C-alpha atoms as a PDB file:
ATOM      1  CA  MET A   1       0.000   0.000   0.000  1.00  0.00           C
ATOM      2  CA  ASP A   2       1.400   3.376  -1.020  1.00  0.00           C
ATOM      3  CA  ILE A   3       0.033   5.082   2.080  1.00  0.00           C
ATOM      4  CA  LEU A   4       2.090   2.821   4.365  1.00  0.00           C
ATOM      5  CA  GLN A   5       5.241   3.757   2.481  1.00  0.00           C
ATOM      6  CA  ALA A   6       4.360   7.472   2.566  1.00  0.00           C
ATOM      7  CA  MET A   7       4.003   7.494   6.347  1.00  0.00           C
ATOM      8  CA  GLN A   8       7.440   5.955   6.913  1.00  0.00           C
ATOM      9  CA  ASP A   9       9.460   9.158   6.457  1.00  0.00           C
ATOM     10  CA  ALA A  10       6.843  11.581   7.778  1.00  0.00           C
ATOM     11  CA  LYS A  11       7.794  13.602  10.833  1.00  0.00           C
ATOM     12  CA  PHE A  12       4.469  15.426  10.822  1.00  0.00           C
ATOM     13  CA  VAL A  13       0.926  14.542   9.794  1.00  0.00           C
ATOM     14  CA  GLN A  14      -1.831  16.939   8.831  1.00  0.00           C
ATOM     15  CA  PHE A  15      -5.147  15.230   9.540  1.00  0.00           C
ATOM     16  CA  ASN A  16      -8.330  17.061   8.502  1.00  0.00           C
ATOM     17  CA  GLY A  17      -6.490  20.387   8.735  1.00  0.00           C
ATOM     18  CA  HIS A  18      -4.889  19.778  12.159  1.00  0.00           C
ATOM     19  CA  MET A  19      -1.127  19.317  12.574  1.00  0.00           C
ATOM     20  CA  PHE A  20       0.286  16.375  14.556  1.00  0.00           C
ATOM     21  CA  VAL A  21       3.743  14.994  15.303  1.00  0.00           C
ATOM     22  CA  THR A  22       4.234  11.396  14.209  1.00  0.00           C
ATOM     23  CA  GLY A  23       4.880   9.138  17.185  1.00  0.00           C
ATOM     24  CA  TYR A  24       4.845   5.734  15.528  1.00  0.00           C
ATOM     25  CA  ALA A  25       4.545   4.406  12.009  1.00  0.00           C
ATOM     26  CA  CYS A  26       4.742   0.662  11.414  1.00  0.00           C
ATOM     27  CA  LEU A  27       6.958  -0.945   8.854  1.00  0.00           C
ATOM     28  CA  PRO A  28       4.854  -2.161   5.939  1.00  0.00           C
ATOM     29  CA  ASP A  29       4.924  -5.933   5.639  1.00  0.00           C
ATOM     30  CA  ASP A  30       2.705  -8.815   4.647  1.00  0.00           C
ATOM     31  CA  SER A  31       1.915  -9.883   8.212  1.00  0.00           C
ATOM     32  CA  LEU A  32      -0.263  -6.842   9.034  1.00  0.00           C
ATOM     33  CA  VAL A  33      -3.906  -7.510   9.854  1.00  0.00           C
ATOM     34  CA  ALA A  34      -6.896  -5.144   9.829  1.00  0.00           C
ATOM     35  CA  ASP A  35      -6.744  -4.093  13.491  1.00  0.00           C
ATOM     36  CA  ASP A  36      -2.964  -3.488  13.612  1.00  0.00           C
ATOM     37  CA  ILE A  37      -2.084   0.104  14.467  1.00  0.00           C
ATOM     38  CA  VAL A  38      -0.086   1.577  11.580  1.00  0.00           C
ATOM     39  CA  LEU A  39       0.191   5.211  12.739  1.00  0.00           C
ATOM     40  CA  GLU A  40       0.105   7.107  16.032  1.00  0.00           C
ATOM     41  CA  ALA A  41       0.372  10.886  16.131  1.00  0.00           C
ATOM     42  CA  SER A  42      -0.170  13.612  18.726  1.00  0.00           C
ATOM     43  CA  SER A  43      -0.427  17.361  19.174  1.00  0.00           C
ATOM     44  CA  ALA A  44      -0.472  19.546  22.277  1.00  0.00           C
ATOM     45  CA  ASP A  45      -4.145  18.844  22.924  1.00  0.00           C
ATOM     46  CA  SER A  46      -5.043  15.601  21.147  1.00  0.00           C
ATOM     47  CA  GLU A  47      -3.812  12.393  19.623  1.00  0.00           C
ATOM     48  CA  PHE A  48      -5.039   9.798  17.171  1.00  0.00           C
ATOM     49  CA  GLU A  49      -4.172   6.409  15.787  1.00  0.00           C
ATOM     50  CA  LEU A  50      -5.025   4.653  12.561  1.00  0.00           C
ATOM     51  CA  THR A  51      -5.326   0.939  11.938  1.00  0.00           C
ATOM     52  CA  LEU A  52      -4.583  -0.905   8.742  1.00  0.00           C
ATOM     53  CA  ASP A  53      -8.324  -1.119   8.132  1.00  0.00           C
ATOM     54  CA  ASP A  54      -8.606   2.699   8.453  1.00  0.00           C
ATOM     55  CA  VAL A  55      -6.040   3.290   5.698  1.00  0.00           C
ATOM     56  CA  ARG A  56      -6.929   0.394   3.419  1.00  0.00           C
ATOM     57  CA  GLU A  57      -8.242   1.575   0.037  1.00  0.00           C
ATOM     58  CA  ALA A  58      -7.092   5.177   0.667  1.00  0.00           C
ATOM     59  CA  ASP A  59      -7.053   7.280  -2.510  1.00  0.00           C
ATOM     60  CA  GLN A  60      -3.920   9.265  -3.252  1.00  0.00           C
ATOM     61  CA  ILE A  61      -5.046  12.776  -4.199  1.00  0.00           C
ATOM     62  CA  GLY A  62      -1.606  14.424  -4.301  1.00  0.00           C
ATOM     63  CA  PRO A  63       2.031  13.814  -3.346  1.00  0.00           C
ATOM     64  CA  GLY A  64       1.859  12.413   0.188  1.00  0.00           C
ATOM     65  CA  VAL A  65      -1.849  13.321   0.449  1.00  0.00           C
ATOM     66  CA  TYR A  66      -4.561  10.676   0.829  1.00  0.00           C
ATOM     67  CA  ARG A  67      -8.321  10.567   1.289  1.00  0.00           C
ATOM     68  CA  LEU A  68      -9.359   7.752   3.610  1.00  0.00           C
ATOM     69  CA  ARG A  69     -12.571   5.757   3.153  1.00  0.00           C
ATOM     70  CA  SER A  70     -14.018   7.760   6.067  1.00  0.00           C
ATOM     71  CA  GLY A  71     -13.587  10.935   3.999  1.00  0.00           C
ATOM     72  CA  ALA A  72     -10.765  12.249   6.187  1.00  0.00           C
ATOM     73  CA  VAL A  73      -7.785  13.791   4.388  1.00  0.00           C
ATOM     74  CA  ILE A  74      -4.288  13.001   5.658  1.00  0.00           C
ATOM     75  CA  CYS A  75      -1.042  14.589   4.487  1.00  0.00           C
ATOM     76  CA  PHE A  76       2.391  13.221   5.405  1.00  0.00           C
ATOM     77  CA  LEU A  77       5.089  15.887   5.860  1.00  0.00           C
ATOM     78  CA  ASN A  78       8.826  15.887   6.478  1.00  0.00           C
ATOM     79  CA  SER A  79      10.642  18.568   8.419  1.00  0.00           C
ATOM     80  CA  ALA A  80      12.266  21.285   6.350  1.00  0.00           C
ATOM     81  CA  THR A  81      16.020  21.210   5.886  1.00  0.00           C
ATOM     82  CA  VAL A  82      17.848  24.546   5.881  1.00  0.00           C
ATOM     83  CA  HIS A  83      21.078  24.621   3.877  1.00  0.00           C
END
């Protein structure tokens, strides 16, 4: 699944317009089952987690941007590098 690969390098996640820091992202492999947690993220006042079932069949709508079956939009972001 492309979405599992996209979340691997993400330091930040924008979920329905709210910014979160990635706490955990699982390594994509064939042994994952529907209720396995694939992403945990938090902000100052909330946190969320997604299971494999939550992200299954997500539509990629842009680079690193996906629409989940629930209708939620999630964007995976890396931190900026200053040269």
